[in-house]
Amino acid sequence: MHDDILNTKDCGVCDRHAAENGVSGESLMARAGAAVAQAIRERWAPRETVVLCGPGNNGGDGFICAAALREAGWPVRVCLMGGQDQLKGDAAWAAGVWHETPERAAPAAFDTADLIVDALFGAGLNRPPEGEAAALITAMSGRGVPVVAIDLPSGVSGDLARADGAVAAAGLTVTFHRRKPAHSLEPAASLCGEVVLADIGIPASWRDAVQPCARENGPQLWFSSLPAARAGDHKHARGRLAVFSGGASSTGAARLAARAGLRAGAGLVTLASPPSALMINAVGSTAVMVRRWTDPAATDTLLENLRADAAVLGPAMGVGEGTRESVISAARAAAVLVLDADALTSFEDAPEVLFAVLRPGDVLTPHPGEFRRLFPDIAARDDLNRIQAAAMAAERAGCCVLLKGPDTVIAAPGHLPVINRHASPALATAGSGDVLAGLIGGLAAQGVGGFDAACAAAWLHGDCALRLGTGLIAEDLADILPERLGTLHRTMQRQRALGHLIAHKS
């Protein structure tokens, strides 16, 4: 599946696996360079192009790309950092395909370029560029013309997904076989621009040699777990969700979550409300039930009386002992817990108390600040990317952790982490996280496992935002969900029918 993500070391293992199974390095390089040239030709008309090649295999890909562009009639120059006599193996072979002595790389080489191909390092550099390399990268960046990166923009760490020194942001990055963490995690992903994934002939048996470190989120991962409506259903059969409200001045977050839970398909949603907020919640909620809630220590009893299948706690509940006590009590009930915002921050001083009561099906939804409060030692490590950090946090908490951001990561014990980039910057608005918590709760109430519910909710949340665009407010997200769910169901049905047709013909 092309949604798999591999770390840089395992990409190298795949290359060696190909060689062991009869696919030469020259063949892989030829296909890689040709794929870059094709991607360029599909996006731009012929123009003065400079290909900057480094001393390794990334440079070899660059030589092949340059030869393919020239054969297609493009004006191309190749600049090499270092001497041609330093090239080894497949890179030396590729330099011979160019049939010319490359120019010595220098910042001035880009002065007349209308397009630059960055074949300097790709994923082959695990430290900030220095000296000549840094000067060349800075010159590339300063030219102000499109940059096409082969594999990764030089200066970007493929695994840590950051650039600690000079880097030339690419408008297009062509990578091979499978994406690396830097293609999906910020800040590196934004430096990659459009990412094209090219098949270069790695045998399918590569899965015997390595395992992905993560997957890109998409319906193919969780759609089959979504409940289908049945003719005999009644509201209780479709799941019961409880959402806990803050006081009179802080009811909006819980109402957003409750509405989202309904839109996600839960048959019955109840707002548990302090007495001071009862009237506000009753007036502001129509299809949502409202129940008086006065004793944090008896939250489990309330959930059992409601026969709740899932519960959302945290949005605007307030930080402090009352919220902490409510969460601990709620964990004694059977309901799946979705904990957000204040339900997380309330355990900042004693996160181990929270982790001790959580179950595998529960879901935590921290933003980076809340993540630091619960997992300060993990957040402080600069040798981890967000995939690794979320996975470590999930193992420690013993449940699903959804680490929010433009590159939301969902991790849980026993599951391969998932990165959700199906989203929009427009989600940076008050209340959008409350809607996400409600979506997760609504799906969990219907029997969807915590990890799948988190993955599905993150994708649907982003899908609604992409459909709405700039100017959306949190209230809009839940209300467009039925349309997006309908579109998703039709799309998946068409894909399934097409798959059956292809299988039948074959």
Foldseek 3Di string as FASTA:
>chain_A
DQQFAAAPVLVVVLQVLQVVVPQDPLLLLLQLLLVLLVVVVVPDDADEEEEEAAQESLSLSSLNVQLNNVVVPHNYAYEYADALVSHDDSSNVSVVSNVDGHHHDDLCVCQRHQEYEYSHAQQNDDDADDDRVLRNLVSLQPNPHAYEYENFFPQAHQAQLDHPGRTRQHLAYEYEDHGTVNCQDPPSVRSHRHYHYGYSDRDPCSCVVDDGLAGAFDCVVFVVLFDDDDPPDAQVLQFEEEEEAAAQVFGPLSQLLQLLLVLLGRSAYEYAYEPRNQVVVVVVDDRHHYDYDHQLQCLQVVCVVRVHQAYEDARRNDAEDSLCNNLLNVLVHNHAYEYEHNNQLNCLVPLVVQLVSHEAQHEYEYELVSLCSNPVVLSPDSVHHPSVSQQVVQVSSQYWYFHDDCFIWIYHPPDNIYTYNLADPQCPAPNLVSSLSSQLRSRSRSPRGNRSSNSVSSNLSRPQDVVVDHPDHSSSSSVCSVVVVVVVVVVVVVVVVVVVVVVVVD
